[in-house]
């Protein structure tokens, strides 16, 4: 995984956290849910990248 992918996933997760927080502050349940969903999506991408890296490392040995 490249550093760019790490940064992109972290940025997406942070944006989701901000969106969730804004939803809580404004009492907007839809925005809060979207923020949580964005965070889950970013975490899933990161997990997929980690799995690809692990598989690549295992096959490189």
N, C-alpha and C. Protein backbone atom coordinates (compact mmCIF):
# COMPACT_ATOMS: atom_id res chain seq x y z
N UNK A 1 0.85 -1.16 0.00
CA UNK A 1 0.00 0.00 0.00
C UNK A 1 0.90 1.22 0.00
N UNK A 2 0.48 2.18 -0.71
CA UNK A 2 1.27 3.39 -0.79
C UNK A 2 0.89 4.34 0.35
N UNK A 3 1.79 5.24 0.60
CA UNK A 3 1.52 6.26 1.61
C UNK A 3 0.33 7.12 1.19
N UNK A 4 0.19 7.32 -0.12
CA UNK A 4 -0.93 8.11 -0.63
C UNK A 4 -2.27 7.46 -0.28
N UNK A 5 -2.34 6.13 -0.37
CA UNK A 5 -3.57 5.42 -0.01
C UNK A 5 -3.85 5.57 1.48
N UNK A 6 -2.80 5.47 2.30
CA UNK A 6 -2.97 5.66 3.75
C UNK A 6 -3.53 7.04 4.05
N UNK A 7 -2.95 8.04 3.42
CA UNK A 7 -3.37 9.42 3.66
C UNK A 7 -4.80 9.62 3.19
N UNK A 8 -5.12 9.09 2.02
CA UNK A 8 -6.47 9.24 1.47
C UNK A 8 -7.51 8.58 2.39
N UNK A 9 -7.21 7.37 2.85
CA UNK A 9 -8.14 6.68 3.73
C UNK A 9 -8.30 7.42 5.06
N UNK A 10 -7.20 7.93 5.59
CA UNK A 10 -7.27 8.68 6.84
C UNK A 10 -8.08 9.96 6.66
N UNK A 11 -7.91 10.61 5.52
CA UNK A 11 -8.66 11.84 5.24
C UNK A 11 -10.15 11.55 5.12
N UNK A 12 -10.49 10.44 4.45
CA UNK A 12 -11.90 10.07 4.32
C UNK A 12 -12.51 9.76 5.68
N UNK A 13 -11.73 9.08 6.52
CA UNK A 13 -12.22 8.75 7.85
C UNK A 13 -12.41 10.01 8.68
N UNK A 14 -11.47 10.95 8.59
CA UNK A 14 -11.58 12.21 9.33
C UNK A 14 -12.77 13.03 8.85
N UNK A 15 -13.00 13.04 7.54
CA UNK A 15 -14.14 13.76 6.99
C UNK A 15 -15.45 13.15 7.49
N UNK A 16 -15.48 11.83 7.57
CA UNK A 16 -16.67 11.16 8.09
C UNK A 16 -16.90 11.49 9.55
N UNK A 17 -15.82 11.57 10.31
CA UNK A 17 -15.94 11.92 11.73
C UNK A 17 -16.45 13.35 11.88
N UNK A 18 -15.96 14.25 11.05
CA UNK A 18 -16.42 15.63 11.09
C UNK A 18 -17.90 15.72 10.72
N UNK A 19 -18.28 14.97 9.69
CA UNK A 19 -19.68 14.98 9.25
C UNK A 19 -20.59 14.43 10.36
N UNK A 20 -20.12 13.36 11.02
CA UNK A 20 -20.89 12.79 12.12
C UNK A 20 -21.04 13.82 13.24
N UNK A 21 -19.95 14.49 13.58
CA UNK A 21 -20.00 15.50 14.63
C UNK A 21 -20.92 16.65 14.29
N UNK A 22 -20.88 17.10 13.05
CA UNK A 22 -21.76 18.17 12.62
C UNK A 22 -23.22 17.72 12.71
N UNK A 23 -23.46 16.47 12.35
CA UNK A 23 -24.82 15.93 12.45
C UNK A 23 -25.31 15.91 13.89
N UNK A 24 -24.41 15.56 14.82
CA UNK A 24 -24.80 15.55 16.24
C UNK A 24 -25.11 16.95 16.73
N UNK A 25 -24.24 17.90 16.38
CA UNK A 25 -24.40 19.29 16.83
C UNK A 25 -25.68 19.91 16.29
N UNK A 26 -25.99 19.63 15.04
CA UNK A 26 -27.17 20.22 14.41
C UNK A 26 -28.42 19.36 14.58
N UNK A 27 -28.27 18.24 15.29
CA UNK A 27 -29.37 17.30 15.51
C UNK A 27 -29.93 16.79 14.17
N UNK A 28 -29.01 16.52 13.24
CA UNK A 28 -29.38 16.02 11.92
C UNK A 28 -28.98 14.54 11.87
N UNK A 29 -29.94 13.67 12.10
CA UNK A 29 -29.66 12.24 12.17
C UNK A 29 -29.13 11.68 10.84
N UNK A 30 -29.62 12.22 9.74
CA UNK A 30 -29.18 11.75 8.42
C UNK A 30 -27.70 12.06 8.20
N UNK A 31 -27.29 13.26 8.53
CA UNK A 31 -25.90 13.66 8.38
C UNK A 31 -25.00 12.86 9.31
N UNK A 32 -25.46 12.62 10.50
CA UNK A 32 -24.71 11.82 11.46
C UNK A 32 -24.51 10.40 10.94
N UNK A 33 -25.57 9.82 10.39
CA UNK A 33 -25.49 8.47 9.85
C UNK A 33 -24.56 8.41 8.63
N UNK A 34 -24.62 9.44 7.79
CA UNK A 34 -23.72 9.50 6.64
C UNK A 34 -22.26 9.55 7.10
N UNK A 35 -22.00 10.31 8.14
CA UNK A 35 -20.65 10.40 8.68
C UNK A 35 -20.15 9.07 9.19
N UNK A 36 -21.01 8.37 9.90
CA UNK A 36 -20.64 7.03 10.39
C UNK A 36 -20.39 6.09 9.23
N UNK A 37 -21.23 6.16 8.21
CA UNK A 37 -21.07 5.30 7.04
C UNK A 37 -19.76 5.61 6.31
N UNK A 38 -19.42 6.89 6.20
CA UNK A 38 -18.16 7.27 5.56
C UNK A 38 -16.97 6.70 6.32
N UNK A 39 -17.05 6.72 7.64
CA UNK A 39 -15.96 6.18 8.45
C UNK A 39 -15.82 4.67 8.25
N UNK A 40 -16.94 3.98 8.20
CA UNK A 40 -16.92 2.53 8.00
C UNK A 40 -16.34 2.21 6.62
N UNK A 41 -16.74 2.98 5.62
CA UNK A 41 -16.24 2.78 4.26
C UNK A 41 -14.72 2.97 4.20
N UNK A 42 -14.23 4.01 4.85
CA UNK A 42 -12.79 4.28 4.86
C UNK A 42 -12.04 3.18 5.60
N UNK A 43 -12.61 2.70 6.69
CA UNK A 43 -11.98 1.62 7.45
C UNK A 43 -11.95 0.33 6.64
N UNK A 44 -13.01 0.08 5.89
CA UNK A 44 -13.06 -1.12 5.04
C UNK A 44 -12.01 -1.05 3.94
N UNK A 45 -11.85 0.14 3.34
CA UNK A 45 -10.82 0.32 2.32
C UNK A 45 -9.44 0.05 2.91
N UNK A 46 -9.21 0.58 4.10
CA UNK A 46 -7.92 0.40 4.76
C UNK A 46 -7.68 -1.08 5.05
N UNK A 47 -8.70 -1.77 5.51
CA UNK A 47 -8.57 -3.20 5.80
C UNK A 47 -8.26 -3.98 4.52
N UNK A 48 -8.90 -3.61 3.42
CA UNK A 48 -8.63 -4.26 2.14
C UNK A 48 -7.20 -4.03 1.70
N UNK A 49 -6.71 -2.81 1.86
CA UNK A 49 -5.32 -2.50 1.51
C UNK A 49 -4.36 -3.31 2.38
N UNK A 50 -4.68 -3.42 3.67
CA UNK A 50 -3.83 -4.19 4.58
C UNK A 50 -3.82 -5.67 4.19
N UNK A 51 -4.95 -6.20 3.78
CA UNK A 51 -5.03 -7.60 3.36
C UNK A 51 -4.22 -7.83 2.09
N UNK A 52 -4.31 -6.87 1.16
CA UNK A 52 -3.52 -6.99 -0.07
C UNK A 52 -2.02 -6.98 0.25
N UNK A 53 -1.63 -6.11 1.16
CA UNK A 53 -0.22 -6.03 1.54
C UNK A 53 0.23 -7.32 2.21
N UNK A 54 -0.61 -7.88 3.07
CA UNK A 54 -0.26 -9.11 3.76
C UNK A 54 -0.11 -10.26 2.77
N UNK A 55 -1.03 -10.32 1.80
CA UNK A 55 -0.95 -11.38 0.80
C UNK A 55 0.30 -11.21 -0.07
N UNK A 56 0.59 -10.00 -0.43
CA UNK A 56 1.77 -9.74 -1.25
C UNK A 56 3.03 -10.12 -0.50
N UNK A 57 3.10 -9.76 0.77
CA UNK A 57 4.26 -10.10 1.59
C UNK A 57 4.39 -11.61 1.73
N UNK A 58 3.28 -12.30 1.92
CA UNK A 58 3.32 -13.76 2.09
C UNK A 58 3.80 -14.44 0.82
N UNK A 59 3.40 -13.93 -0.35
CA UNK A 59 3.79 -14.55 -1.60
C UNK A 59 5.18 -14.14 -2.05
N UNK A 60 5.69 -13.04 -1.51
CA UNK A 60 7.03 -12.60 -1.88
C UNK A 60 8.11 -13.42 -1.17
N UNK A 61 7.75 -14.11 -0.13
CA UNK A 61 8.75 -14.88 0.65
C UNK A 61 9.04 -16.20 0.01
